[in-house]
C-alpha atoms as a PDB file:
ATOM      1  CA  MET A   1     117.701 126.137  67.820  1.00  0.00           C
ATOM      2  CA  GLU A   2     120.272 127.050  70.445  1.00  0.00           C
ATOM      3  CA  HIS A   3     117.454 128.020  72.802  1.00  0.00           C
ATOM      4  CA  TYR A   4     116.536 124.369  73.338  1.00  0.00           C
ATOM      5  CA  GLU A   5     118.229 121.766  75.513  1.00  0.00           C
ATOM      6  CA  ARG A   6     117.707 118.264  74.164  1.00  0.00           C
ATOM      7  CA  LEU A   7     116.486 115.853  76.858  1.00  0.00           C
ATOM      8  CA  GLY A   8     116.144 112.643  74.867  1.00  0.00           C
ATOM      9  CA  LYS A   9     114.712 110.971  71.801  1.00  0.00           C
ATOM     10  CA  ILE A  10     110.979 110.258  71.651  1.00  0.00           C
ATOM     11  CA  ALA A  11     110.655 108.606  68.246  1.00  0.00           C
ATOM     12  CA  ASP A  12     112.612 108.050  65.048  1.00  0.00           C
ATOM     13  CA  GLY A  13     111.109 107.518  61.611  1.00  0.00           C
ATOM     14  CA  ALA A  14     111.766 107.765  57.894  1.00  0.00           C
ATOM     15  CA  SER A  15     110.773 111.424  57.739  1.00  0.00           C
ATOM     16  CA  GLY A  16     112.612 112.603  60.827  1.00  0.00           C
ATOM     17  CA  THR A  17     113.185 112.364  64.554  1.00  0.00           C
ATOM     18  CA  VAL A  18     111.184 113.701  67.499  1.00  0.00           C
ATOM     19  CA  TYR A  19     113.033 114.845  70.610  1.00  0.00           C
ATOM     20  CA  LYS A  20     111.970 115.892  74.062  1.00  0.00           C
ATOM     21  CA  ALA A  21     113.593 119.213  74.915  1.00  0.00           C
ATOM     22  CA  ARG A  22     113.490 122.157  77.287  1.00  0.00           C
ATOM     23  CA  ASP A  23     113.146 125.772  76.231  1.00  0.00           C
ATOM     24  CA  ARG A  24     115.999 127.491  78.069  1.00  0.00           C
ATOM     25  CA  ARG A  25     114.178 130.834  77.958  1.00  0.00           C
ATOM     26  CA  THR A  26     110.915 129.711  79.556  1.00  0.00           C
ATOM     27  CA  GLY A  27     111.670 126.337  81.127  1.00  0.00           C
ATOM     28  CA  GLU A  28     108.825 124.759  79.152  1.00  0.00           C
ATOM     29  CA  THR A  29     109.193 121.127  78.105  1.00  0.00           C
ATOM     30  CA  VAL A  30     108.568 120.804  74.369  1.00  0.00           C
ATOM     31  CA  ALA A  31     108.692 118.221  71.597  1.00  0.00           C
ATOM     32  CA  ILE A  32     110.884 119.050  68.600  1.00  0.00           C
ATOM     33  CA  LYS A  33     110.356 117.282  65.296  1.00  0.00           C
ATOM     34  CA  ARG A  34     113.460 117.429  63.118  1.00  0.00           C
ATOM     35  CA  LEU A  35     112.736 116.890  59.426  1.00  0.00           C
ATOM     36  CA  ARG A  36     115.401 115.904  56.929  1.00  0.00           C
ATOM     37  CA  SER A  37     115.322 116.295  53.171  1.00  0.00           C
ATOM     38  CA  GLY A  38     115.348 113.133  51.100  1.00  0.00           C
ATOM     39  CA  GLY A  39     113.415 109.917  51.544  1.00  0.00           C
ATOM     40  CA  GLY A  40     109.724 110.437  52.194  1.00  0.00           C
ATOM     41  CA  ASN A  41     110.153 114.191  52.532  1.00  0.00           C
ATOM     42  CA  GLY A  42     111.549 114.775  49.046  1.00  0.00           C
ATOM     43  CA  ASP A  43     114.355 117.179  48.178  1.00  0.00           C
ATOM     44  CA  GLY A  44     114.533 120.896  47.498  1.00  0.00           C
ATOM     45  CA  ASP A  45     111.139 122.413  46.729  1.00  0.00           C
ATOM     46  CA  ALA A  46     109.345 119.168  47.581  1.00  0.00           C
ATOM     47  CA  PHE A  47     110.933 119.116  51.040  1.00  0.00           C
ATOM     48  CA  ARG A  48     110.006 122.742  51.614  1.00  0.00           C
ATOM     49  CA  GLU A  49     106.409 122.077  50.596  1.00  0.00           C
ATOM     50  CA  THR A  50     106.197 119.010  52.864  1.00  0.00           C
ATOM     51  CA  PHE A  51     107.435 121.045  55.817  1.00  0.00           C
ATOM     52  CA  LEU A  52     105.179 124.021  55.105  1.00  0.00           C
ATOM     53  CA  ARG A  53     102.128 121.803  54.682  1.00  0.00           C
ATOM     54  CA  GLU A  54     102.596 120.233  58.108  1.00  0.00           C
ATOM     55  CA  ALA A  55     103.343 123.602  59.720  1.00  0.00           C
ATOM     56  CA  ARG A  56     100.268 125.217  58.165  1.00  0.00           C
ATOM     57  CA  CYS A  57      97.993 122.405  59.284  1.00  0.00           C
ATOM     58  CA  LEU A  58      99.372 122.612  62.815  1.00  0.00           C
ATOM     59  CA  GLU A  59      98.906 126.377  62.795  1.00  0.00           C
ATOM     60  CA  ALA A  60      95.323 126.013  61.564  1.00  0.00           C
ATOM     61  CA  CYS A  61      94.591 123.663  64.471  1.00  0.00           C
ATOM     62  CA  ARG A  62      96.263 125.795  67.133  1.00  0.00           C
ATOM     63  CA  GLY A  63      94.303 126.380  70.313  1.00  0.00           C
ATOM     64  CA  HIS A  64      92.123 123.276  70.536  1.00  0.00           C
ATOM     65  CA  PRO A  65      92.718 121.210  73.699  1.00  0.00           C
ATOM     66  CA  SER A  66      92.612 117.888  71.817  1.00  0.00           C
ATOM     67  CA  LEU A  67      95.119 118.915  69.120  1.00  0.00           C
ATOM     68  CA  VAL A  68      98.834 119.279  69.793  1.00  0.00           C
ATOM     69  CA  SER A  69      99.880 122.929  69.750  1.00  0.00           C
ATOM     70  CA  LEU A  70     102.624 124.321  67.516  1.00  0.00           C
ATOM     71  CA  ARG A  71     105.017 126.682  69.278  1.00  0.00           C
ATOM     72  CA  THR A  72     107.253 127.678  66.368  1.00  0.00           C
ATOM     73  CA  ALA A  73     108.659 126.372  63.075  1.00  0.00           C
ATOM     74  CA  HIS A  74     112.133 126.772  61.542  1.00  0.00           C
ATOM     75  CA  LEU A  75     113.241 126.047  57.980  1.00  0.00           C
ATOM     76  CA  LEU A  76     117.043 126.076  57.717  1.00  0.00           C
ATOM     77  CA  ASP A  77     119.472 126.013  54.836  1.00  0.00           C
ATOM     78  CA  GLY A  78     120.969 122.615  54.106  1.00  0.00           C
ATOM     79  CA  GLY A  79     117.797 120.532  54.048  1.00  0.00           C
ATOM     80  CA  GLU A  80     116.764 120.696  57.701  1.00  0.00           C
ATOM     81  CA  ALA A  81     113.577 121.910  59.334  1.00  0.00           C
ATOM     82  CA  PHE A  82     112.228 121.911  62.887  1.00  0.00           C
ATOM     83  CA  LEU A  83     108.715 121.982  64.318  1.00  0.00           C
ATOM     84  CA  VAL A  84     108.577 122.929  67.998  1.00  0.00           C
ATOM     85  CA  MET A  85     105.391 121.744  69.714  1.00  0.00           C
ATOM     86  CA  GLU A  86     104.036 121.387  73.195  1.00  0.00           C
ATOM     87  CA  TYR A  87     105.113 118.205  74.957  1.00  0.00           C
ATOM     88  CA  ALA A  88     101.952 116.222  75.635  1.00  0.00           C
ATOM     89  CA  GLY A  89     103.091 112.920  77.113  1.00  0.00           C
ATOM     90  CA  ARG A  90     103.400 109.414  75.697  1.00  0.00           C
ATOM     91  CA  SER A  91     101.480 107.841  72.858  1.00  0.00           C
ATOM     92  CA  LEU A  92      98.243 106.044  73.605  1.00  0.00           C
ATOM     93  CA  ALA A  93      99.749 102.929  72.034  1.00  0.00           C
ATOM     94  CA  GLU A  94     102.663 103.057  74.468  1.00  0.00           C
ATOM     95  CA  VAL A  95     100.495 103.657  77.524  1.00  0.00           C
ATOM     96  CA  LEU A  96      98.152 100.790  76.748  1.00  0.00           C
ATOM     97  CA  ARG A  97     100.673  98.058  75.964  1.00  0.00           C
ATOM     98  CA  ASP A  98     103.746  96.549  77.539  1.00  0.00           C
ATOM     99  CA  GLU A  99     107.054  95.785  75.835  1.00  0.00           C
ATOM    100  CA  ASP A 100     105.690  92.452  74.605  1.00  0.00           C
ATOM    101  CA  GLY A 101     102.666  94.126  73.020  1.00  0.00           C
ATOM    102  CA  HIS A 102     100.112  92.734  75.462  1.00  0.00           C
ATOM    103  CA  ARG A 103      96.827  94.606  75.680  1.00  0.00           C
ATOM    104  CA  ARG A 104      93.477  94.234  77.395  1.00  0.00           C
ATOM    105  CA  PRO A 105      90.175  96.015  76.704  1.00  0.00           C
ATOM    106  CA  LEU A 106      89.309  99.280  78.395  1.00  0.00           C
ATOM    107  CA  PRO A 107      85.982  99.598  80.212  1.00  0.00           C
ATOM    108  CA  GLU A 108      83.317 101.182  78.021  1.00  0.00           C
ATOM    109  CA  ALA A 109      83.139 104.331  80.165  1.00  0.00           C
ATOM    110  CA  GLU A 110      86.866 105.001  79.752  1.00  0.00           C
ATOM    111  CA  ALA A 111      86.762 104.259  76.029  1.00  0.00           C
ATOM    112  CA  ARG A 112      83.933 106.777  75.781  1.00  0.00           C
ATOM    113  CA  ARG A 113      85.956 109.450  77.577  1.00  0.00           C
ATOM    114  CA  LEU A 114      88.869 108.984  75.200  1.00  0.00           C
ATOM    115  CA  MET A 115      86.655 108.874  72.118  1.00  0.00           C
ATOM    116  CA  ARG A 116      84.882 112.071  73.136  1.00  0.00           C
ATOM    117  CA  ARG A 117      88.194 113.943  73.217  1.00  0.00           C
ATOM    118  CA  LEU A 118      89.385 112.411  69.951  1.00  0.00           C
ATOM    119  CA  LEU A 119      86.152 113.204  68.143  1.00  0.00           C
ATOM    120  CA  GLU A 120      86.211 116.747  69.496  1.00  0.00           C
ATOM    121  CA  GLY A 121      89.712 117.149  68.105  1.00  0.00           C
ATOM    122  CA  ALA A 122      88.723 115.639  64.754  1.00  0.00           C
ATOM    123  CA  ALA A 123      85.623 117.835  64.522  1.00  0.00           C
ATOM    124  CA  ALA A 124      87.774 120.915  65.135  1.00  0.00           C
ATOM    125  CA  MET A 125      90.305 119.816  62.493  1.00  0.00           C
ATOM    126  CA  HIS A 126      87.612 119.206  59.929  1.00  0.00           C
ATOM    127  CA  ALA A 127      85.879 122.504  60.687  1.00  0.00           C
ATOM    128  CA  ARG A 128      89.215 124.145  59.839  1.00  0.00           C
ATOM    129  CA  SER A 129      89.461 122.182  56.562  1.00  0.00           C
ATOM    130  CA  VAL A 130      92.273 119.900  57.743  1.00  0.00           C
ATOM    131  CA  LEU A 131      92.390 116.152  57.141  1.00  0.00           C
ATOM    132  CA  HIS A 132      94.827 114.319  59.395  1.00  0.00           C
ATOM    133  CA  ARG A 133      95.038 111.161  57.230  1.00  0.00           C
ATOM    134  CA  ASP A 134      97.071 109.094  59.708  1.00  0.00           C
ATOM    135  CA  LEU A 135      95.049 108.722  62.889  1.00  0.00           C
ATOM    136  CA  LYS A 136      96.161 105.739  64.976  1.00  0.00           C
ATOM    137  CA  PRO A 137      97.077 105.063  68.630  1.00  0.00           C
ATOM    138  CA  ASP A 138     100.722 105.990  67.964  1.00  0.00           C
ATOM    139  CA  ASN A 139      99.591 109.476  66.913  1.00  0.00           C
ATOM    140  CA  ILE A 140      97.532 110.153  70.014  1.00  0.00           C
ATOM    141  CA  LEU A 141      99.277 111.579  73.057  1.00  0.00           C
ATOM    142  CA  LEU A 142      98.080 110.895  76.567  1.00  0.00           C
ATOM    143  CA  ASP A 143      99.344 112.812  79.579  1.00  0.00           C
ATOM    144  CA  VAL A 144      98.254 110.634  82.486  1.00  0.00           C
ATOM    145  CA  SER A 145      99.408 113.220  85.023  1.00  0.00           C
ATOM    146  CA  GLY A 146      97.182 115.936  83.578  1.00  0.00           C
ATOM    147  CA  GLY A 147      94.530 113.779  81.958  1.00  0.00           C
ATOM    148  CA  THR A 148      94.828 115.352  78.496  1.00  0.00           C
ATOM    149  CA  VAL A 149      94.367 113.570  75.171  1.00  0.00           C
ATOM    150  CA  LYS A 150      95.833 115.130  72.028  1.00  0.00           C
ATOM    151  CA  ILE A 151      96.077 114.217  68.362  1.00  0.00           C
ATOM    152  CA  CYS A 152      99.616 114.687  67.035  1.00  0.00           C
ATOM    153  CA  ASP A 153     101.869 114.048  64.001  1.00  0.00           C
ATOM    154  CA  PHE A 154     100.387 116.032  61.139  1.00  0.00           C
ATOM    155  CA  GLY A 155     103.022 114.783  58.711  1.00  0.00           C
ATOM    156  CA  LEU A 156     100.415 113.369  56.299  1.00  0.00           C
ATOM    157  CA  SER A 157      97.817 116.062  56.927  1.00  0.00           C
ATOM    158  CA  ARG A 158      96.292 118.089  54.141  1.00  0.00           C
ATOM    159  CA  SER A 159      94.310 121.308  54.097  1.00  0.00           C
ATOM    160  CA  VAL A 160      91.279 120.907  51.819  1.00  0.00           C
ATOM    161  CA  ALA A 161      87.790 122.262  51.321  1.00  0.00           C
ATOM    162  CA  ILE A 162      85.906 119.709  53.407  1.00  0.00           C
ATOM    163  CA  SER A 163      82.540 120.342  51.750  1.00  0.00           C
ATOM    164  CA  GLY A 164      83.705 121.558  48.370  1.00  0.00           C
ATOM    165  CA  GLU A 165      85.894 120.617  45.479  1.00  0.00           C
ATOM    166  CA  ALA A 166      89.489 119.654  46.176  1.00  0.00           C
ATOM    167  CA  PRO A 167      92.429 118.623  44.009  1.00  0.00           C
ATOM    168  CA  PRO A 168      93.184 114.894  43.678  1.00  0.00           C
ATOM    169  CA  LEU A 169      94.478 113.498  46.962  1.00  0.00           C
ATOM    170  CA  THR A 170      97.193 110.913  47.544  1.00  0.00           C
ATOM    171  CA  PRO A 171      95.679 107.401  47.611  1.00  0.00           C
ATOM    172  CA  GLY A 172      98.284 105.664  49.804  1.00  0.00           C
ATOM    173  CA  VAL A 173      97.628 107.499  53.064  1.00  0.00           C
ATOM    174  CA  ALA A 174      96.962 106.255  56.606  1.00  0.00           C
ATOM    175  CA  THR A 175      98.567 103.289  58.305  1.00  0.00           C
ATOM    176  CA  LEU A 176      97.077 100.127  56.790  1.00  0.00           C
ATOM    177  CA  TRP A 177      95.074  98.892  59.794  1.00  0.00           C
ATOM    178  CA  TYR A 178      93.287 102.260  60.011  1.00  0.00           C
ATOM    179  CA  ARG A 179      92.920 102.950  56.271  1.00  0.00           C
ATOM    180  CA  ALA A 180      89.389 103.516  54.965  1.00  0.00           C
ATOM    181  CA  PRO A 181      88.150 101.040  52.332  1.00  0.00           C
ATOM    182  CA  GLU A 182      87.583 103.719  49.683  1.00  0.00           C
ATOM    183  CA  VAL A 183      91.250 104.733  49.988  1.00  0.00           C
ATOM    184  CA  ILE A 184      92.426 101.137  49.518  1.00  0.00           C
ATOM    185  CA  LEU A 185      90.127 100.878  46.510  1.00  0.00           C
ATOM    186  CA  GLY A 186      91.951 103.824  44.956  1.00  0.00           C
ATOM    187  CA  SER A 187      89.790 106.871  45.673  1.00  0.00           C
ATOM    188  CA  ARG A 188      91.545 110.211  45.180  1.00  0.00           C
ATOM    189  CA  ASP A 189      88.660 112.472  46.148  1.00  0.00           C
ATOM    190  CA  TYR A 190      88.015 111.169  49.653  1.00  0.00           C
ATOM    191  CA  ASP A 191      87.027 113.471  52.487  1.00  0.00           C
ATOM    192  CA  ALA A 192      87.028 113.736  56.283  1.00  0.00           C
ATOM    193  CA  GLY A 193      85.472 110.282  56.440  1.00  0.00           C
ATOM    194  CA  VAL A 194      88.958 108.765  56.203  1.00  0.00           C
ATOM    195  CA  ASP A 195      89.652 110.212  59.651  1.00  0.00           C
ATOM    196  CA  THR A 196      86.386 109.082  61.197  1.00  0.00           C
ATOM    197  CA  TRP A 197      86.930 105.563  59.820  1.00  0.00           C
ATOM    198  CA  ALA A 198      90.303 105.531  61.565  1.00  0.00           C
ATOM    199  CA  LEU A 199      88.648 106.721  64.777  1.00  0.00           C
ATOM    200  CA  GLY A 200      86.176 103.852  64.481  1.00  0.00           C
ATOM    201  CA  CYS A 201      89.112 101.441  64.243  1.00  0.00           C
ATOM    202  CA  ILE A 202      90.670 103.086  67.311  1.00  0.00           C
ATOM    203  CA  MET A 203      87.396 102.840  69.251  1.00  0.00           C
ATOM    204  CA  ALA A 204      87.179  99.141  68.412  1.00  0.00           C
ATOM    205  CA  GLU A 205      90.778  98.662  69.520  1.00  0.00           C
ATOM    206  CA  LEU A 206      90.136 100.366  72.862  1.00  0.00           C
ATOM    207  CA  LEU A 207      87.109  98.168  73.501  1.00  0.00           C
ATOM    208  CA  ALA A 208      88.599  94.891  72.255  1.00  0.00           C
ATOM    209  CA  GLY A 209      92.193  95.329  73.383  1.00  0.00           C
ATOM    210  CA  ALA A 210      93.471  94.484  69.893  1.00  0.00           C
ATOM    211  CA  PRO A 211      93.260  95.911  66.359  1.00  0.00           C
ATOM    212  CA  LEU A 212      89.993  95.076  64.613  1.00  0.00           C
ATOM    213  CA  PHE A 213      91.439  94.757  61.092  1.00  0.00           C
ATOM    214  CA  PRO A 214      95.157  93.814  61.326  1.00  0.00           C
ATOM    215  CA  GLY A 215      95.721  93.277  57.618  1.00  0.00           C
ATOM    216  CA  ARG A 216      99.040  92.080  56.202  1.00  0.00           C
ATOM    217  CA  SER A 217      98.533  93.748  52.819  1.00  0.00           C
ATOM    218  CA  GLU A 218      96.005  96.049  51.187  1.00  0.00           C
ATOM    219  CA  MET A 219      94.068  93.107  49.768  1.00  0.00           C
ATOM    220  CA  ASP A 220      94.130  91.252  53.078  1.00  0.00           C
ATOM    221  CA  GLN A 221      92.961  94.444  54.776  1.00  0.00           C
ATOM    222  CA  LEU A 222      89.947  94.719  52.463  1.00  0.00           C
ATOM    223  CA  ASN A 223      89.145  91.041  52.970  1.00  0.00           C
ATOM    224  CA  ARG A 224      89.103  91.510  56.735  1.00  0.00           C
ATOM    225  CA  VAL A 225      86.904  94.599  56.469  1.00  0.00           C
ATOM    226  CA  PHE A 226      84.386  93.090  54.050  1.00  0.00           C
ATOM    227  CA  ASP A 227      84.335  89.695  55.807  1.00  0.00           C
ATOM    228  CA  THR A 228      83.259  91.524  58.974  1.00  0.00           C
ATOM    229  CA  LEU A 229      81.083  94.321  57.625  1.00  0.00           C
ATOM    230  CA  GLY A 230      79.856  92.798  54.374  1.00  0.00           C
ATOM    231  CA  MET A 231      80.004  94.483  50.963  1.00  0.00           C
ATOM    232  CA  GLN A 232      76.391  95.389  50.301  1.00  0.00           C
ATOM    233  CA  ASP A 233      76.738  98.822  51.869  1.00  0.00           C
ATOM    234  CA  MET A 234      79.885  99.658  49.911  1.00  0.00           C
ATOM    235  CA  ALA A 235      78.601  98.236  46.622  1.00  0.00           C
ATOM    236  CA  SER A 236      75.426 100.345  46.874  1.00  0.00           C
ATOM    237  CA  TRP A 237      77.447 103.571  47.021  1.00  0.00           C
ATOM    238  CA  PRO A 238      77.065 105.524  43.744  1.00  0.00           C
ATOM    239  CA  GLY A 239      80.785 106.255  43.681  1.00  0.00           C
ATOM    240  CA  PHE A 240      81.825 102.618  44.068  1.00  0.00           C
ATOM    241  CA  ALA A 241      81.882 101.630  40.387  1.00  0.00           C
ATOM    242  CA  ALA A 242      84.260 104.487  39.552  1.00  0.00           C
ATOM    243  CA  LEU A 243      86.915 103.367  42.044  1.00  0.00           C
ATOM    244  CA  PRO A 244      90.038 102.002  40.301  1.00  0.00           C
ATOM    245  CA  ARG A 245      89.898  98.663  42.136  1.00  0.00           C
ATOM    246  CA  ALA A 246      86.132  98.202  42.170  1.00  0.00           C
ATOM    247  CA  GLY A 247      86.323  95.600  39.408  1.00  0.00           C
ATOM    248  CA  SER A 248      88.932  93.452  41.118  1.00  0.00           C
ATOM    249  CA  GLY A 249      88.187  89.840  41.913  1.00  0.00           C
ATOM    250  CA  LEU A 250      88.362  90.643  45.593  1.00  0.00           C
ATOM    251  CA  CYS A 251      85.248  92.809  45.268  1.00  0.00           C
ATOM    252  CA  GLN A 252      83.357  89.969  43.569  1.00  0.00           C
ATOM    253  CA  ARG A 253      83.881  87.397  46.329  1.00  0.00           C
ATOM    254  CA  PRO A 254      80.867  86.226  48.362  1.00  0.00           C
ATOM    255  CA  ARG A 255      80.531  88.159  51.613  1.00  0.00           C
ATOM    256  CA  PRO A 256      78.235  87.983  54.645  1.00  0.00           C
ATOM    257  CA  PRO A 257      74.775  89.344  53.732  1.00  0.00           C
ATOM    258  CA  THR A 258      74.793  91.497  56.862  1.00  0.00           C
ATOM    259  CA  SER A 259      77.435  92.979  59.117  1.00  0.00           C
ATOM    260  CA  LEU A 260      78.997  90.700  61.732  1.00  0.00           C
ATOM    261  CA  LEU A 261      80.432  93.613  63.700  1.00  0.00           C
ATOM    262  CA  ARG A 262      78.007  93.196  66.597  1.00  0.00           C
ATOM    263  CA  GLU A 263      79.298  89.673  67.218  1.00  0.00           C
ATOM    264  CA  ASN A 264      82.722  91.138  67.985  1.00  0.00           C
ATOM    265  CA  PHE A 265      81.316  93.472  70.663  1.00  0.00           C
ATOM    266  CA  PRO A 266      78.491  91.621  72.446  1.00  0.00           C
ATOM    267  CA  GLY A 267      78.981  93.542  75.683  1.00  0.00           C
ATOM    268  CA  LEU A 268      78.950  97.021  74.162  1.00  0.00           C
ATOM    269  CA  SER A 269      75.843  99.064  74.939  1.00  0.00           C
ATOM    270  CA  ALA A 270      73.373  99.733  72.123  1.00  0.00           C
ATOM    271  CA  ALA A 271      74.261 103.437  72.202  1.00  0.00           C
ATOM    272  CA  GLY A 272      77.962 102.650  72.026  1.00  0.00           C
ATOM    273  CA  PHE A 273      77.455 100.260  69.137  1.00  0.00           C
ATOM    274  CA  ASP A 274      75.545 102.933  67.229  1.00  0.00           C
ATOM    275  CA  VAL A 275      78.663 105.117  67.369  1.00  0.00           C
ATOM    276  CA  LEU A 276      81.035 102.289  66.470  1.00  0.00           C
ATOM    277  CA  SER A 277      78.973 101.045  63.529  1.00  0.00           C
ATOM    278  CA  GLY A 278      78.395 104.607  62.342  1.00  0.00           C
ATOM    279  CA  LEU A 279      82.109 105.359  62.271  1.00  0.00           C
ATOM    280  CA  LEU A 280      82.794 102.038  60.539  1.00  0.00           C
ATOM    281  CA  ALA A 281      80.235 102.429  57.763  1.00  0.00           C
ATOM    282  CA  CYS A 282      81.924 101.165  54.595  1.00  0.00           C
ATOM    283  CA  ARG A 283      79.911 103.534  52.446  1.00  0.00           C
ATOM    284  CA  PRO A 284      81.581 106.949  52.896  1.00  0.00           C
ATOM    285  CA  ASP A 285      78.407 109.014  52.525  1.00  0.00           C
ATOM    286  CA  ARG A 286      76.766 107.062  55.361  1.00  0.00           C
ATOM    287  CA  ARG A 287      79.735 107.252  57.719  1.00  0.00           C
ATOM    288  CA  LEU A 288      79.335 109.455  60.779  1.00  0.00           C
ATOM    289  CA  ALA A 289      81.163 112.760  60.720  1.00  0.00           C
ATOM    290  CA  ALA A 290      83.011 113.602  63.932  1.00  0.00           C
ATOM    291  CA  ALA A 291      80.536 116.326  64.889  1.00  0.00           C
ATOM    292  CA  GLU A 292      77.608 113.975  64.197  1.00  0.00           C
ATOM    293  CA  ALA A 293      79.124 111.238  66.341  1.00  0.00           C
ATOM    294  CA  LEU A 294      79.433 113.638  69.274  1.00  0.00           C
ATOM    295  CA  ARG A 295      75.672 114.241  69.131  1.00  0.00           C
ATOM    296  CA  CYS A 296      74.917 110.529  69.552  1.00  0.00           C
ATOM    297  CA  PRO A 297      73.174 109.418  72.790  1.00  0.00           C
ATOM    298  CA  TRP A 298      76.261 107.450  73.883  1.00  0.00           C
ATOM    299  CA  PHE A 299      78.069 110.672  74.682  1.00  0.00           C
ATOM    300  CA  ALA A 300      75.024 112.168  76.388  1.00  0.00           C
ATOM    301  CA  GLU A 301      75.180 109.256  78.851  1.00  0.00           C
ATOM    302  CA  GLY A 302      78.520 110.528  80.116  1.00  0.00           C
ATOM    303  CA  ALA A 303      77.923 114.239  79.542  1.00  0.00           C
ATOM    304  CA  ALA A 304      77.511 115.193  83.193  1.00  0.00           C
ATOM    305  CA  ALA A 305      80.955 113.863  84.070  1.00  0.00           C
ATOM    306  CA  ALA A 306      82.556 115.364  80.981  1.00  0.00           C
ATOM    307  CA  VAL A 307      81.517 119.007  81.272  1.00  0.00           C
ATOM    308  CA  ASN A 308      84.596 121.234  81.356  1.00  0.00           C
ATOM    309  CA  GLU A 309      86.970 118.485  82.381  1.00  0.00           C
ATOM    310  CA  ALA A 310      89.809 116.535  80.849  1.00  0.00           C
ATOM    311  CA  VAL A 311      89.907 112.764  80.991  1.00  0.00           C
ATOM    312  CA  PRO A 312      90.350 112.221  84.758  1.00  0.00           C
ATOM    313  CA  ALA A 313      93.903 111.017  85.164  1.00  0.00           C
ATOM    314  CA  ASP A 314      93.318 109.009  88.320  1.00  0.00           C
ATOM    315  CA  GLN A 315      90.341 107.164  86.848  1.00  0.00           C
ATOM    316  CA  LEU A 316      92.099 106.505  83.563  1.00  0.00           C
ATOM    317  CA  ARG A 317      95.244 105.247  85.269  1.00  0.00           C
ATOM    318  CA  ALA A 318      93.175 103.040  87.545  1.00  0.00           C
ATOM    319  CA  SER A 319      91.147 101.650  84.645  1.00  0.00           C
ATOM    320  CA  CYS A 320      94.211 100.937  82.542  1.00  0.00           C
ATOM    321  CA  ALA A 321      95.982  99.366  85.477  1.00  0.00           C
ATOM    322  CA  ALA A 322      93.016  97.225  86.489  1.00  0.00           C
ATOM    323  CA  ALA A 323      92.430  96.109  82.918  1.00  0.00           C
ATOM    324  CA  MET A 324      95.994  94.985  82.356  1.00  0.00           C
ATOM    325  CA  ALA A 325      97.547  94.143  85.707  1.00  0.00           C
ATOM    326  CA  ALA A 326      96.242  90.588  85.788  1.00  0.00           C
ATOM    327  CA  SER A 327      98.005  89.456  82.628  1.00  0.00           C
ATOM    328  CA  VAL A 328     100.633  92.144  82.099  1.00  0.00           C
ATOM    329  CA  PRO A 329     102.722  92.489  85.270  1.00  0.00           C
ATOM    330  CA  GLY A 330     104.499  95.801  85.632  1.00  0.00           C
ATOM    331  CA  VAL A 331     102.367  97.779  83.188  1.00  0.00           C
ATOM    332  CA  ALA A 332     100.104  99.158  85.892  1.00  0.00           C
ATOM    333  CA  GLU A 333     103.110 100.642  87.649  1.00  0.00           C
ATOM    334  CA  ALA A 334     104.383 102.110  84.383  1.00  0.00           C
ATOM    335  CA  ILE A 335     101.063 103.839  83.751  1.00  0.00           C
ATOM    336  CA  ILE A 336     100.882 105.270  87.246  1.00  0.00           C
ATOM    337  CA  ALA A 337     104.523 106.393  87.245  1.00  0.00           C
END
């Protein structure tokens, strides 16, 4: 790793630390994820497998403009490993909030531009049999100078047969606010729908300026989901009764007879709501796949402006700044900087 000059820390977590660095040989700015054995990464063979799984998923996704690109990977003796990736800017969560956590909604057109790129990235991942399993604003990188949007942090990703049989999957994946209901209910044979559910939560957050389901626990999370979307759809799913938590008292509580989601987004166009409600279908087999969502009329409305272009940086910066400047002084300047 002597070829890299460390420029500063980007993020620090239980599994490792991400640094901004410069490749001394090429001058390229990169992001280096340093993984440590122990903790969430396991020790010995478990650590090696955790590292290799993330590296393989990154390698499988190489080359798509909406997925962060792996440059190289290093597994060292002594319980250390490094993933060198392209540097792709700050997280979407960071760009859209100030230090006090204040947020405001994005205009529908800008939310659509971002969602198009995210769904394109998800569709490419899923076509390559990769589940991300932790999509959230913190794991989306936005380069406002170049207008790119990229999905990052494949630490919980898994390579599976999207349309075929797969071994049992870990139930406790995805950050709680973006976790699909079937996962909370204990499913171990979920599919790419866990990612599209998370993208539905992200779309709602972009449009509302706040998380749609900010649960404090798994049970509170399910209550928030079912109190908004109802339970009839989920309960009609043939696989529901087999879920480990399907018989819990929480699933027997009275719920709204129909979804109340529309009431939360009265200003969203009908075409936009079709995408949002399709991504947030509680019943997994009725949830939109990423490729299906991209074929919805909502994206056709903005197709002319989206052909062969990234998210326009000047428009996105202006939209973010205009949306937040009134109540969040200083954030507009931070976005434009």
